[in-house]
Amino acid sequence: MSVGRTIRHKTQAFKGQVTERIGRITRNRRLQREGRTDRVSGNLKQSGDKAKNAFRR
């Protein structure tokens, strides 16, 4: 698993968390949805990379 890819996925998950919270505070459902999808997508990509790495060893 490359370091750049790991940072990119963690950044996407963090960005999603922030966007989702801003959406909650402002009661903007669109921002909440975008944040949730970014967060989940980043976490899934991290899990996929971990699974790939486990089978390489």
Protein backbone atom coordinates (compact mmCIF):
# COMPACT_ATOMS: atom_id res chain seq x y z
CA MET A 1 0.00 0.00 0.00
CA SER A 2 1.57 3.24 -1.08
CA VAL A 3 1.85 6.11 1.36
CA GLY A 4 0.38 8.61 -1.10
CA ARG A 5 -2.71 6.48 -1.64
CA THR A 6 -3.17 6.02 2.11
CA ILE A 7 -2.95 9.75 2.73
CA ARG A 8 -5.38 10.45 -0.11
CA HIS A 9 -7.99 8.04 1.28
CA LYS A 10 -7.63 9.28 4.84
CA THR A 11 -7.92 12.87 3.61
CA GLN A 12 -11.10 12.01 1.71
CA ALA A 13 -12.62 10.40 4.81
CA PHE A 14 -11.67 13.39 6.97
CA LYS A 15 -13.02 15.86 4.40
CA GLY A 16 -16.28 13.93 4.40
CA GLN A 17 -16.48 14.11 8.18
CA VAL A 18 -15.99 17.87 8.16
CA THR A 19 -18.49 18.41 5.35
CA GLU A 20 -21.08 16.24 7.08
CA ARG A 21 -20.70 18.18 10.33
CA ILE A 22 -20.99 21.52 8.54
CA GLY A 23 -24.15 20.21 6.88
CA ARG A 24 -25.59 19.24 10.24
CA ILE A 25 -24.77 22.60 11.80
CA THR A 26 -26.28 24.55 8.89
CA ARG A 27 -29.12 22.02 8.44
CA ASN A 28 -28.13 21.57 4.81
CA ARG A 29 -29.10 18.06 3.73
CA ARG A 30 -27.09 18.23 0.51
CA LEU A 31 -23.87 18.88 2.43
CA GLN A 32 -24.72 16.10 4.85
CA ARG A 33 -25.19 13.66 1.97
CA GLU A 34 -22.00 14.72 0.21
CA GLY A 35 -20.04 14.45 3.44
CA ARG A 36 -21.44 11.03 4.22
CA THR A 37 -20.62 9.69 0.75
CA ASP A 38 -17.07 11.10 0.90
CA ARG A 39 -16.51 9.65 4.36
CA VAL A 40 -17.85 6.21 3.48
CA SER A 41 -16.01 6.15 0.16
CA GLY A 42 -12.70 7.03 1.81
CA ASN A 43 -13.19 4.38 4.49
CA LEU A 44 -14.08 1.72 1.92
CA LYS A 45 -11.02 2.54 -0.14
CA GLN A 46 -8.85 2.24 2.98
CA SER A 47 -10.40 -1.15 3.76
CA GLY A 48 -9.83 -2.33 0.20
CA ASP A 49 -6.18 -1.32 0.36
CA LYS A 50 -5.75 -3.13 3.69
CA ALA A 51 -7.30 -6.29 2.23
CA LYS A 52 -5.03 -6.13 -0.83
CA ASN A 53 -2.03 -5.66 1.42
CA ALA A 54 -3.00 -8.64 3.58
CA PHE A 55 -3.01 -10.98 0.58
CA ARG A 56 0.35 -9.75 -0.69
CA ARG A 57 2.21 -10.95 2.37
